[in-house]
N, C-alpha and C. Protein backbone atom coordinates (compact mmCIF):
# COMPACT_ATOMS: atom_id res chain seq x y z
N UNK A 1 44.01 -14.83 -57.37
CA UNK A 1 44.60 -15.94 -58.02
C UNK A 1 45.66 -16.84 -57.13
N UNK A 2 46.18 -16.18 -56.21
CA UNK A 2 47.20 -16.90 -55.34
C UNK A 2 46.50 -17.95 -54.63
N UNK A 3 45.41 -17.64 -54.21
CA UNK A 3 44.81 -18.95 -53.15
C UNK A 3 44.25 -19.89 -54.11
N UNK A 4 43.91 -19.75 -55.32
CA UNK A 4 43.59 -20.77 -56.30
C UNK A 4 44.68 -21.75 -56.42
N UNK A 5 45.78 -20.90 -56.83
CA UNK A 5 47.04 -21.62 -57.19
C UNK A 5 47.55 -22.57 -56.01
N UNK A 6 47.49 -21.99 -54.83
CA UNK A 6 47.89 -22.51 -53.62
C UNK A 6 47.00 -23.96 -53.39
N UNK A 7 45.77 -23.86 -53.57
CA UNK A 7 44.91 -24.97 -53.38
C UNK A 7 45.00 -25.92 -54.45
N UNK A 8 45.17 -25.41 -55.66
CA UNK A 8 45.27 -26.35 -56.80
C UNK A 8 46.53 -27.36 -56.52
N UNK A 9 47.65 -26.54 -56.07
CA UNK A 9 48.93 -27.46 -55.88
C UNK A 9 48.71 -28.51 -54.80
N UNK A 10 47.89 -28.08 -53.70
CA UNK A 10 47.43 -29.01 -52.62
C UNK A 10 46.84 -30.30 -53.28
N UNK A 11 45.74 -29.82 -53.99
CA UNK A 11 44.91 -31.00 -54.48
C UNK A 11 45.66 -31.79 -55.58
N UNK A 12 46.56 -31.27 -56.31
CA UNK A 12 47.38 -32.01 -57.25
C UNK A 12 48.38 -33.02 -56.56
N UNK A 13 49.01 -32.52 -55.43
CA UNK A 13 49.75 -33.50 -54.78
C UNK A 13 48.89 -34.53 -54.09
N UNK A 14 47.78 -34.16 -53.51
CA UNK A 14 47.06 -35.40 -52.86
C UNK A 14 46.41 -36.33 -53.78
N UNK A 15 45.89 -35.71 -54.96
CA UNK A 15 45.07 -36.64 -55.89
C UNK A 15 46.12 -37.48 -56.80
N UNK A 16 47.22 -37.01 -57.08
CA UNK A 16 48.29 -37.80 -57.62
C UNK A 16 48.71 -38.96 -56.71
N UNK A 17 48.82 -38.63 -55.50
CA UNK A 17 49.20 -39.67 -54.59
C UNK A 17 48.09 -40.92 -54.47
N UNK A 18 46.86 -40.31 -54.41
CA UNK A 18 45.55 -41.18 -54.15
C UNK A 18 45.58 -42.34 -55.56
N UNK A 19 45.76 -41.70 -56.77
CA UNK A 19 45.58 -42.43 -57.79
C UNK A 19 46.84 -43.17 -58.30
N UNK A 20 47.79 -43.10 -57.70
CA UNK A 20 49.21 -43.64 -58.05
C UNK A 20 48.94 -45.19 -58.32
N UNK A 21 48.33 -45.87 -57.30
CA UNK A 21 48.23 -47.33 -57.33
C UNK A 21 47.24 -47.85 -58.64
N UNK A 22 46.46 -46.79 -59.17
CA UNK A 22 45.57 -47.10 -60.00
C UNK A 22 45.93 -46.46 -61.59
N UNK A 23 46.99 -45.81 -61.46
CA UNK A 23 47.35 -45.13 -62.93
C UNK A 23 47.34 -45.89 -63.93
N UNK A 24 47.78 -47.15 -63.91
CA UNK A 24 47.91 -47.89 -65.09
C UNK A 24 46.60 -48.55 -65.54
N UNK A 25 45.78 -48.42 -64.96
CA UNK A 25 44.34 -48.97 -65.18
C UNK A 25 43.69 -48.14 -66.21
N UNK A 26 43.98 -46.99 -66.45
CA UNK A 26 43.32 -46.03 -67.47
C UNK A 26 44.24 -45.12 -68.09
N UNK A 27 44.06 -44.99 -69.42
CA UNK A 27 45.04 -44.24 -70.21
C UNK A 27 45.00 -42.69 -70.14
N UNK A 28 43.88 -42.24 -69.56
CA UNK A 28 43.52 -40.73 -69.27
C UNK A 28 43.07 -40.55 -67.89
N UNK A 29 43.46 -39.26 -67.16
CA UNK A 29 42.94 -39.03 -66.04
C UNK A 29 42.55 -37.57 -66.03
N UNK A 30 41.34 -37.45 -65.37
CA UNK A 30 41.06 -36.01 -65.35
C UNK A 30 40.82 -35.75 -63.83
N UNK A 31 41.08 -34.32 -63.56
CA UNK A 31 40.81 -33.85 -62.09
C UNK A 31 39.79 -32.96 -62.36
N UNK A 32 38.62 -32.97 -61.72
CA UNK A 32 37.44 -32.05 -61.62
C UNK A 32 37.34 -31.65 -60.23
N UNK A 33 37.48 -30.33 -60.15
CA UNK A 33 37.41 -29.63 -58.77
C UNK A 33 36.44 -28.42 -58.63
N UNK A 34 35.60 -28.35 -57.63
CA UNK A 34 34.76 -27.32 -57.66
C UNK A 34 35.40 -26.18 -57.18
N UNK A 35 35.08 -24.88 -57.62
CA UNK A 35 36.03 -23.78 -57.34
C UNK A 35 35.24 -22.95 -56.33
N UNK A 36 35.31 -23.24 -54.98
CA UNK A 36 34.77 -22.62 -53.91
C UNK A 36 35.54 -21.04 -53.64
N UNK A 37 36.72 -20.99 -54.14
CA UNK A 37 37.45 -19.76 -53.78
C UNK A 37 37.14 -18.68 -54.76
N UNK A 38 36.72 -18.75 -56.06
CA UNK A 38 36.36 -17.76 -56.80
C UNK A 38 35.00 -17.99 -57.60
N UNK A 39 34.45 -19.26 -57.57
CA UNK A 39 33.13 -19.60 -58.01
C UNK A 39 33.47 -19.76 -59.56
N UNK A 40 33.72 -18.51 -60.28
CA UNK A 40 33.88 -18.59 -61.89
C UNK A 40 34.85 -17.49 -61.99
N UNK A 41 36.06 -17.92 -62.55
CA UNK A 41 36.84 -16.68 -62.55
C UNK A 41 36.56 -15.84 -63.84
N UNK A 42 36.72 -14.62 -63.60
CA UNK A 42 36.63 -13.54 -64.64
C UNK A 42 37.61 -13.96 -66.11
N UNK A 43 37.42 -13.66 -66.96
CA UNK A 43 38.09 -13.84 -68.17
C UNK A 43 39.58 -13.11 -68.03
N UNK A 44 39.63 -12.07 -67.40
CA UNK A 44 41.05 -11.62 -67.30
C UNK A 44 41.95 -12.51 -66.56
N UNK A 45 41.24 -13.07 -65.41
CA UNK A 45 41.90 -13.96 -64.50
C UNK A 45 42.19 -15.29 -64.89
N UNK A 46 41.34 -15.55 -65.87
CA UNK A 46 41.70 -17.00 -66.53
C UNK A 46 42.83 -16.68 -67.53
N UNK A 47 43.05 -15.70 -68.07
CA UNK A 47 43.97 -15.40 -69.04
C UNK A 47 45.49 -15.32 -68.38
N UNK A 48 45.43 -14.60 -67.16
CA UNK A 48 46.44 -14.58 -66.28
C UNK A 48 46.95 -16.03 -65.71
N UNK A 49 45.94 -16.67 -65.42
CA UNK A 49 46.17 -18.11 -64.93
C UNK A 49 46.84 -18.88 -66.02
N UNK A 50 46.31 -18.74 -67.11
CA UNK A 50 46.82 -19.80 -68.32
C UNK A 50 48.22 -19.29 -68.56
N UNK A 51 48.61 -18.03 -68.54
CA UNK A 51 49.92 -17.42 -68.71
C UNK A 51 50.92 -17.51 -67.82
N UNK A 52 50.53 -17.37 -66.44
CA UNK A 52 51.56 -17.29 -65.67
C UNK A 52 51.77 -18.47 -64.41
N UNK A 53 50.49 -18.88 -64.15
CA UNK A 53 50.23 -19.98 -63.04
C UNK A 53 50.21 -21.61 -63.98
N UNK A 54 49.71 -21.65 -64.96
CA UNK A 54 49.52 -23.06 -65.63
C UNK A 54 50.75 -23.42 -65.98
N UNK A 55 51.88 -22.83 -66.47
CA UNK A 55 53.10 -23.49 -66.75
C UNK A 55 53.92 -23.84 -65.79
N UNK A 56 53.60 -23.46 -64.52
CA UNK A 56 54.47 -23.65 -63.39
C UNK A 56 53.94 -24.85 -62.54
N UNK A 57 52.50 -25.37 -62.80
CA UNK A 57 51.98 -26.50 -62.34
C UNK A 57 52.38 -27.77 -62.97
N UNK A 58 53.01 -28.63 -62.04
CA UNK A 58 53.34 -30.07 -62.60
C UNK A 58 52.43 -31.01 -62.08
N UNK A 59 52.11 -31.76 -62.99
CA UNK A 59 51.08 -32.70 -62.55
C UNK A 59 50.87 -33.88 -63.66
N UNK A 60 50.03 -35.03 -63.47
CA UNK A 60 50.06 -36.10 -64.31
C UNK A 60 48.72 -36.19 -64.91
N UNK A 61 47.88 -35.23 -64.83
CA UNK A 61 46.49 -35.48 -65.40
C UNK A 61 46.52 -34.82 -66.64
N UNK A 62 45.42 -35.44 -67.58
CA UNK A 62 45.21 -35.15 -68.91
C UNK A 62 44.61 -33.72 -68.93
N UNK A 63 43.82 -33.61 -67.98
CA UNK A 63 42.91 -32.33 -67.97
C UNK A 63 42.60 -32.09 -66.54
N UNK A 64 42.43 -30.84 -66.33
CA UNK A 64 42.09 -30.31 -64.86
C UNK A 64 40.82 -29.44 -65.29
N UNK A 65 39.87 -29.47 -64.43
CA UNK A 65 38.60 -28.69 -64.77
C UNK A 65 38.07 -28.11 -63.37
N UNK A 66 37.97 -26.72 -63.21
CA UNK A 66 37.49 -26.13 -62.25
C UNK A 66 36.05 -25.85 -62.46
N UNK A 67 35.01 -26.13 -61.63
CA UNK A 67 33.62 -26.03 -61.86
C UNK A 67 32.97 -24.96 -60.87
N UNK A 68 32.19 -24.18 -61.29
CA UNK A 68 31.38 -23.39 -60.63
C UNK A 68 30.45 -23.92 -59.73
N UNK A 69 30.62 -24.27 -58.42
CA UNK A 69 29.86 -25.05 -57.52
C UNK A 69 28.31 -24.34 -57.41
N UNK A 70 28.10 -23.36 -57.92
CA UNK A 70 26.67 -22.72 -57.72
C UNK A 70 25.87 -23.53 -58.89
N UNK A 71 26.35 -24.50 -59.74
CA UNK A 71 25.51 -25.09 -60.62
C UNK A 71 25.07 -24.38 -61.91
N UNK A 72 25.90 -23.35 -62.17
CA UNK A 72 25.77 -22.45 -63.26
C UNK A 72 26.32 -23.03 -64.66
N UNK A 73 26.85 -24.19 -64.61
CA UNK A 73 27.41 -24.86 -65.85
C UNK A 73 28.64 -24.07 -66.34
N UNK A 74 29.19 -23.37 -65.46
CA UNK A 74 30.46 -22.65 -65.76
C UNK A 74 31.61 -23.57 -65.27
N UNK A 75 32.47 -23.54 -66.10
CA UNK A 75 33.93 -24.49 -66.00
C UNK A 75 35.07 -23.61 -66.61
N UNK A 76 36.24 -23.91 -66.01
CA UNK A 76 37.47 -23.56 -66.52
C UNK A 76 38.42 -24.58 -66.65
N UNK A 77 38.79 -25.01 -67.98
CA UNK A 77 39.56 -26.05 -68.43
C UNK A 77 41.06 -25.64 -68.47
N UNK A 78 41.94 -26.45 -67.92
CA UNK A 78 43.47 -25.91 -68.27
C UNK A 78 44.24 -27.44 -68.17
């Protein structure tokens, strides 16, 4: 989970910076990222992530979704 948290923090910072000039054009912003680190988190890891990591993530997105890049239609929204 450490690697996922670390990389999400990097992406949040970069994507927040990139959309800043366009922020006012839309009322909602979603960030959808392929999860190449874990592919699809196990339920136990998802629970740990939601409890321990999510509260520490500061961002301006309405939704963040991690997608399984293997095309299995698996996703994890937080």
